[in-house]
Amino acid sequence: MDKIFIKDLLVRGIIGIRDWERDVEQDILINVTVYTDTLRAAESDDIIDCVDYSALATKVQAHAKTAKRLTVEALANDLAKICLEVPLVKKAVVRVEKPGAVRFAKSVGVEVERKRDE
C-alpha cells in the first residue's frame, strides 16, 4: 500500500480540559498519513485518480480549528474519520500534538490508526 502524507500542519484552535484552555486558542500540530494505491494515478497522471492532499489538508485544518475538542484523542479520531471519507483512502494514521503542553517537553500528543473496515 502506498502512502500520502501531510507533515506538520499547524492549526490554532481550542483544545484541552482546563478552564483557560477553553478560552485561548493553542497551537495544534497535525501529521496525517493516508494509505492508498497510487498505481492508477501514476499511470493516468490525472488528479481524478489521486487523493487530493490539498483538499484533505483543508478539511483537516478547518475541523481542527473549529472542533473545540477536550482531548487530543477525540480530535485525532475525528480527523481519521475525515481521512477515511475520501473514497481512495484505505487507512489513515493521524498524529495530533500540543506543542509546549508539558513543561520541558517539546510536544505531547496521540497517534491513532484507523482502517476503512473498522
N, C-alpha and C. Protein backbone atom coordinates (compact mmCIF):
# COMPACT_ATOMS: atom_id res chain seq x y z
N MET A 1 0.84 -1.17 0.00
CA MET A 1 0.00 0.00 0.00
C MET A 1 0.90 1.24 0.00
N ASP A 2 0.52 2.21 -0.78
CA ASP A 2 1.28 3.45 -0.88
C ASP A 2 0.83 4.46 0.17
N LYS A 3 1.69 5.44 0.45
CA LYS A 3 1.40 6.43 1.47
C LYS A 3 1.39 7.84 0.88
N ILE A 4 0.48 8.64 1.35
CA ILE A 4 0.47 10.07 1.07
C ILE A 4 0.48 10.74 2.44
N PHE A 5 1.35 11.72 2.62
CA PHE A 5 1.45 12.32 3.94
C PHE A 5 1.33 13.84 3.89
N ILE A 6 0.81 14.36 4.99
CA ILE A 6 0.74 15.80 5.25
C ILE A 6 1.52 15.98 6.54
N LYS A 7 2.61 16.72 6.47
CA LYS A 7 3.54 16.80 7.59
C LYS A 7 3.49 18.18 8.25
N ASP A 8 3.37 18.17 9.57
CA ASP A 8 3.46 19.37 10.40
C ASP A 8 2.49 20.48 9.99
N LEU A 9 1.23 20.12 9.86
CA LEU A 9 0.17 21.09 9.58
C LEU A 9 -0.15 21.80 10.90
N LEU A 10 0.12 23.09 10.96
CA LEU A 10 -0.08 23.85 12.18
C LEU A 10 -1.42 24.57 12.14
N VAL A 11 -2.20 24.36 13.20
CA VAL A 11 -3.53 24.94 13.32
C VAL A 11 -3.63 25.59 14.69
N ARG A 12 -4.40 26.66 14.79
CA ARG A 12 -4.69 27.26 16.10
C ARG A 12 -6.15 27.01 16.41
N GLY A 13 -6.39 26.44 17.59
CA GLY A 13 -7.76 26.13 17.96
C GLY A 13 -7.90 25.89 19.45
N ILE A 14 -9.13 25.68 19.86
CA ILE A 14 -9.43 25.40 21.27
C ILE A 14 -9.33 23.89 21.48
N ILE A 15 -8.49 23.51 22.42
CA ILE A 15 -8.35 22.10 22.79
C ILE A 15 -7.81 22.02 24.21
N GLY A 16 -8.42 21.18 25.00
CA GLY A 16 -7.92 20.99 26.36
C GLY A 16 -9.05 20.92 27.36
N ILE A 17 -8.69 20.45 28.55
CA ILE A 17 -9.68 20.23 29.60
C ILE A 17 -9.68 21.33 30.66
N ARG A 18 -8.64 22.12 30.72
CA ARG A 18 -8.56 23.16 31.75
C ARG A 18 -9.38 24.38 31.33
N ASP A 19 -9.86 25.10 32.32
CA ASP A 19 -10.71 26.27 32.05
C ASP A 19 -10.05 27.25 31.08
N TRP A 20 -8.79 27.57 31.31
CA TRP A 20 -8.12 28.54 30.45
C TRP A 20 -7.97 28.03 29.02
N GLU A 21 -7.87 26.70 28.86
CA GLU A 21 -7.74 26.12 27.52
C GLU A 21 -9.02 26.23 26.72
N ARG A 22 -10.13 26.44 27.38
CA ARG A 22 -11.42 26.57 26.70
C ARG A 22 -11.63 27.98 26.16
N ASP A 23 -10.74 28.92 26.57
CA ASP A 23 -10.86 30.32 26.17
C ASP A 23 -9.75 30.80 25.24
N VAL A 24 -8.64 30.11 25.22
CA VAL A 24 -7.46 30.57 24.48
C VAL A 24 -7.09 29.56 23.39
N GLU A 25 -6.97 30.03 22.17
CA GLU A 25 -6.52 29.14 21.09
C GLU A 25 -5.07 28.74 21.34
N GLN A 26 -4.79 27.49 21.05
CA GLN A 26 -3.45 26.95 21.19
C GLN A 26 -2.97 26.40 19.85
N ASP A 27 -1.67 26.23 19.73
CA ASP A 27 -1.12 25.56 18.56
C ASP A 27 -1.48 24.08 18.63
N ILE A 28 -1.91 23.55 17.50
CA ILE A 28 -2.18 22.13 17.35
C ILE A 28 -1.38 21.69 16.13
N LEU A 29 -0.51 20.72 16.31
CA LEU A 29 0.33 20.23 15.23
C LEU A 29 -0.21 18.89 14.75
N ILE A 30 -0.48 18.79 13.46
CA ILE A 30 -1.13 17.61 12.90
C ILE A 30 -0.26 16.98 11.81
N ASN A 31 -0.14 15.67 11.90
CA ASN A 31 0.51 14.89 10.84
C ASN A 31 -0.47 13.80 10.41
N VAL A 32 -0.61 13.67 9.11
CA VAL A 32 -1.54 12.71 8.54
C VAL A 32 -0.80 11.84 7.52
N THR A 33 -1.00 10.55 7.61
CA THR A 33 -0.55 9.63 6.57
C THR A 33 -1.77 8.81 6.15
N VAL A 34 -2.08 8.85 4.87
CA VAL A 34 -3.17 8.03 4.35
C VAL A 34 -2.60 6.99 3.42
N TYR A 35 -3.22 5.84 3.43
CA TYR A 35 -2.76 4.70 2.64
C TYR A 35 -3.73 4.47 1.49
N THR A 36 -3.18 4.33 0.31
CA THR A 36 -3.98 4.16 -0.90
C THR A 36 -3.12 3.45 -1.95
N ASP A 37 -3.71 3.09 -3.03
CA ASP A 37 -2.98 2.54 -4.16
C ASP A 37 -2.80 3.66 -5.19
N THR A 38 -1.58 4.06 -5.42
CA THR A 38 -1.31 5.18 -6.34
C THR A 38 -1.00 4.73 -7.77
N LEU A 39 -1.06 3.43 -8.04
CA LEU A 39 -0.68 2.94 -9.37
C LEU A 39 -1.53 3.56 -10.48
N ARG A 40 -2.84 3.55 -10.32
CA ARG A 40 -3.71 4.12 -11.35
C ARG A 40 -3.40 5.61 -11.57
N ALA A 41 -3.21 6.33 -10.48
CA ALA A 41 -2.88 7.75 -10.58
C ALA A 41 -1.54 7.96 -11.30
N ALA A 42 -0.58 7.09 -11.00
CA ALA A 42 0.73 7.20 -11.63
C ALA A 42 0.65 6.94 -13.13
N GLU A 43 -0.20 5.98 -13.50
CA GLU A 43 -0.34 5.64 -14.92
C GLU A 43 -1.15 6.68 -15.69
N SER A 44 -2.21 7.19 -15.08
CA SER A 44 -3.07 8.14 -15.79
C SER A 44 -2.55 9.57 -15.70
N ASP A 45 -1.80 9.87 -14.65
CA ASP A 45 -1.31 11.23 -14.41
C ASP A 45 -2.47 12.23 -14.36
N ASP A 46 -3.59 11.79 -13.77
CA ASP A 46 -4.82 12.58 -13.72
C ASP A 46 -5.25 12.72 -12.27
N ILE A 47 -5.54 13.94 -11.86
CA ILE A 47 -5.92 14.23 -10.48
C ILE A 47 -7.16 13.44 -10.05
N ILE A 48 -8.00 13.10 -10.97
CA ILE A 48 -9.22 12.34 -10.65
C ILE A 48 -8.89 10.98 -10.03
N ASP A 49 -7.71 10.45 -10.33
CA ASP A 49 -7.27 9.16 -9.80
C ASP A 49 -6.39 9.30 -8.55
N CYS A 50 -6.26 10.51 -8.06
CA CYS A 50 -5.38 10.80 -6.93
C CYS A 50 -6.18 11.14 -5.68
N VAL A 51 -5.55 10.97 -4.53
CA VAL A 51 -6.06 11.56 -3.30
C VAL A 51 -5.63 13.02 -3.35
N ASP A 52 -6.58 13.92 -3.32
CA ASP A 52 -6.28 15.36 -3.37
C ASP A 52 -5.83 15.80 -1.99
N TYR A 53 -4.52 15.80 -1.77
CA TYR A 53 -3.99 16.10 -0.44
C TYR A 53 -4.22 17.54 -0.04
N SER A 54 -4.34 18.44 -1.00
CA SER A 54 -4.63 19.83 -0.68
C SER A 54 -6.04 19.96 -0.10
N ALA A 55 -7.00 19.32 -0.75
CA ALA A 55 -8.39 19.34 -0.25
C ALA A 55 -8.48 18.65 1.12
N LEU A 56 -7.75 17.55 1.29
CA LEU A 56 -7.76 16.85 2.55
C LEU A 56 -7.17 17.72 3.66
N ALA A 57 -6.06 18.37 3.38
CA ALA A 57 -5.44 19.26 4.37
C ALA A 57 -6.39 20.39 4.77
N THR A 58 -7.10 20.92 3.81
CA THR A 58 -8.06 22.00 4.10
C THR A 58 -9.17 21.52 5.02
N LYS A 59 -9.70 20.31 4.78
CA LYS A 59 -10.75 19.75 5.64
C LYS A 59 -10.23 19.48 7.05
N VAL A 60 -9.04 18.90 7.14
CA VAL A 60 -8.43 18.59 8.43
C VAL A 60 -8.21 19.89 9.22
N GLN A 61 -7.66 20.88 8.55
CA GLN A 61 -7.37 22.15 9.20
C GLN A 61 -8.64 22.83 9.68
N ALA A 62 -9.66 22.86 8.84
CA ALA A 62 -10.92 23.51 9.19
C ALA A 62 -11.55 22.83 10.41
N HIS A 63 -11.53 21.51 10.44
CA HIS A 63 -12.13 20.80 11.57
C HIS A 63 -11.35 21.06 12.85
N ALA A 64 -10.03 20.96 12.78
CA ALA A 64 -9.21 21.15 13.97
C ALA A 64 -9.38 22.56 14.53
N LYS A 65 -9.55 23.51 13.66
CA LYS A 65 -9.69 24.90 14.08
C LYS A 65 -11.02 25.15 14.79
N THR A 66 -12.06 24.44 14.42
CA THR A 66 -13.40 24.74 14.94
C THR A 66 -13.99 23.68 15.88
N ALA A 67 -13.36 22.53 16.01
CA ALA A 67 -13.96 21.41 16.76
C ALA A 67 -14.09 21.67 18.27
N LYS A 68 -13.15 22.37 18.84
CA LYS A 68 -13.15 22.67 20.28
C LYS A 68 -13.27 21.40 21.13
N ARG A 69 -12.48 20.40 20.76
CA ARG A 69 -12.49 19.13 21.50
C ARG A 69 -11.75 19.27 22.83
N LEU A 70 -12.12 18.44 23.77
CA LEU A 70 -11.46 18.43 25.07
C LEU A 70 -10.13 17.70 25.03
N THR A 71 -10.07 16.62 24.25
CA THR A 71 -8.87 15.78 24.24
C THR A 71 -8.27 15.66 22.85
N VAL A 72 -6.96 15.43 22.82
CA VAL A 72 -6.29 15.19 21.55
C VAL A 72 -6.74 13.85 20.97
N GLU A 73 -7.11 12.92 21.83
CA GLU A 73 -7.60 11.62 21.37
C GLU A 73 -8.87 11.79 20.53
N ALA A 74 -9.79 12.60 21.03
CA ALA A 74 -11.04 12.82 20.30
C ALA A 74 -10.78 13.54 18.98
N LEU A 75 -9.91 14.54 18.99
CA LEU A 75 -9.61 15.26 17.75
C LEU A 75 -8.92 14.35 16.74
N ALA A 76 -7.98 13.55 17.19
CA ALA A 76 -7.29 12.63 16.28
C ALA A 76 -8.28 11.65 15.65
N ASN A 77 -9.21 11.15 16.43
CA ASN A 77 -10.22 10.24 15.90
C ASN A 77 -11.11 10.94 14.87
N ASP A 78 -11.52 12.17 15.17
CA ASP A 78 -12.30 12.96 14.21
C ASP A 78 -11.57 13.08 12.87
N LEU A 79 -10.30 13.42 12.96
CA LEU A 79 -9.52 13.67 11.75
C LEU A 79 -9.30 12.38 10.95
N ALA A 80 -9.13 11.26 11.65
CA ALA A 80 -9.01 9.97 10.95
C ALA A 80 -10.29 9.66 10.19
N LYS A 81 -11.44 9.94 10.80
CA LYS A 81 -12.72 9.72 10.12
C LYS A 81 -12.83 10.58 8.87
N ILE A 82 -12.39 11.82 8.96
CA ILE A 82 -12.40 12.72 7.79
C ILE A 82 -11.54 12.13 6.67
N CYS A 83 -10.38 11.61 7.03
CA CYS A 83 -9.50 11.00 6.02
C CYS A 83 -10.17 9.81 5.35
N LEU A 84 -10.86 9.01 6.13
CA LEU A 84 -11.49 7.81 5.58
C LEU A 84 -12.75 8.11 4.77
N GLU A 85 -13.22 9.34 4.80
CA GLU A 85 -14.33 9.76 3.93
C GLU A 85 -13.88 9.89 2.48
N VAL A 86 -12.58 10.01 2.26
CA VAL A 86 -12.04 10.08 0.90
C VAL A 86 -12.09 8.67 0.32
N PRO A 87 -12.81 8.48 -0.79
CA PRO A 87 -13.04 7.13 -1.32
C PRO A 87 -11.78 6.30 -1.57
N LEU A 88 -10.69 6.90 -1.99
CA LEU A 88 -9.48 6.15 -2.31
C LEU A 88 -8.64 5.78 -1.09
N VAL A 89 -8.95 6.35 0.06
CA VAL A 89 -8.17 6.10 1.27
C VAL A 89 -8.63 4.82 1.95
N LYS A 90 -7.68 3.92 2.20
CA LYS A 90 -7.97 2.63 2.84
C LYS A 90 -7.65 2.64 4.33
N LYS A 91 -6.67 3.47 4.72
CA LYS A 91 -6.22 3.52 6.11
C LYS A 91 -5.67 4.91 6.37
N ALA A 92 -5.81 5.37 7.62
CA ALA A 92 -5.27 6.68 7.99
C ALA A 92 -4.54 6.58 9.32
N VAL A 93 -3.41 7.23 9.39
CA VAL A 93 -2.67 7.39 10.64
C VAL A 93 -2.61 8.89 10.89
N VAL A 94 -3.14 9.30 12.04
CA VAL A 94 -3.21 10.73 12.37
C VAL A 94 -2.53 10.96 13.70
N ARG A 95 -1.63 11.93 13.72
CA ARG A 95 -0.94 12.33 14.95
C ARG A 95 -1.36 13.76 15.26
N VAL A 96 -1.83 13.98 16.48
CA VAL A 96 -2.20 15.31 16.94
C VAL A 96 -1.34 15.63 18.15
N GLU A 97 -0.68 16.78 18.09
CA GLU A 97 0.22 17.19 19.17
C GLU A 97 -0.14 18.58 19.67
N LYS A 98 0.14 18.79 20.96
CA LYS A 98 0.03 20.11 21.57
C LYS A 98 1.44 20.53 21.97
N PRO A 99 2.10 21.30 21.12
CA PRO A 99 3.46 21.76 21.45
C PRO A 99 3.45 22.60 22.74
N GLY A 100 4.40 22.32 23.59
CA GLY A 100 4.53 23.11 24.81
C GLY A 100 3.51 22.82 25.89
N ALA A 101 2.72 21.78 25.75
CA ALA A 101 1.67 21.49 26.73
C ALA A 101 2.25 20.96 28.05
N VAL A 102 3.41 20.33 27.98
CA VAL A 102 4.06 19.80 29.16
C VAL A 102 5.42 20.48 29.30
N ARG A 103 5.66 21.02 30.48
CA ARG A 103 6.91 21.71 30.73
C ARG A 103 8.10 20.80 30.48
N PHE A 104 9.09 21.31 29.79
CA PHE A 104 10.33 20.63 29.43
C PHE A 104 10.16 19.61 28.31
N ALA A 105 8.98 19.52 27.74
CA ALA A 105 8.76 18.63 26.58
C ALA A 105 8.47 19.51 25.37
N LYS A 106 9.05 19.16 24.25
CA LYS A 106 8.79 19.91 23.02
C LYS A 106 7.32 19.79 22.62
N SER A 107 6.75 18.61 22.82
CA SER A 107 5.37 18.39 22.42
C SER A 107 4.85 17.13 23.08
N VAL A 108 3.52 17.05 23.19
CA VAL A 108 2.85 15.82 23.61
C VAL A 108 1.67 15.60 22.70
N GLY A 109 1.25 14.36 22.56
CA GLY A 109 0.12 14.11 21.68
C GLY A 109 -0.26 12.66 21.62
N VAL A 110 -1.02 12.35 20.59
CA VAL A 110 -1.50 10.99 20.40
C VAL A 110 -1.49 10.68 18.91
N GLU A 111 -1.29 9.43 18.59
CA GLU A 111 -1.35 8.96 17.21
C GLU A 111 -2.35 7.83 17.14
N VAL A 112 -3.29 7.95 16.21
CA VAL A 112 -4.29 6.90 16.02
C VAL A 112 -4.16 6.32 14.62
N GLU A 113 -4.54 5.07 14.49
CA GLU A 113 -4.54 4.37 13.20
C GLU A 113 -5.93 3.79 13.00
N ARG A 114 -6.54 4.15 11.89
CA ARG A 114 -7.89 3.67 11.59
C ARG A 114 -7.94 3.12 10.17
N LYS A 115 -8.68 2.02 10.01
CA LYS A 115 -8.86 1.41 8.70
C LYS A 115 -10.30 1.57 8.26
N ARG A 116 -10.50 1.54 6.98
CA ARG A 116 -11.84 1.71 6.41
C ARG A 116 -12.83 0.70 6.99
N ASP A 117 -12.42 -0.51 7.26
CA ASP A 117 -13.34 -1.55 7.71
C ASP A 117 -13.61 -1.54 9.21
N GLU A 118 -13.09 -0.57 9.94
CA GLU A 118 -13.32 -0.51 11.40
C GLU A 118 -14.54 0.33 11.71
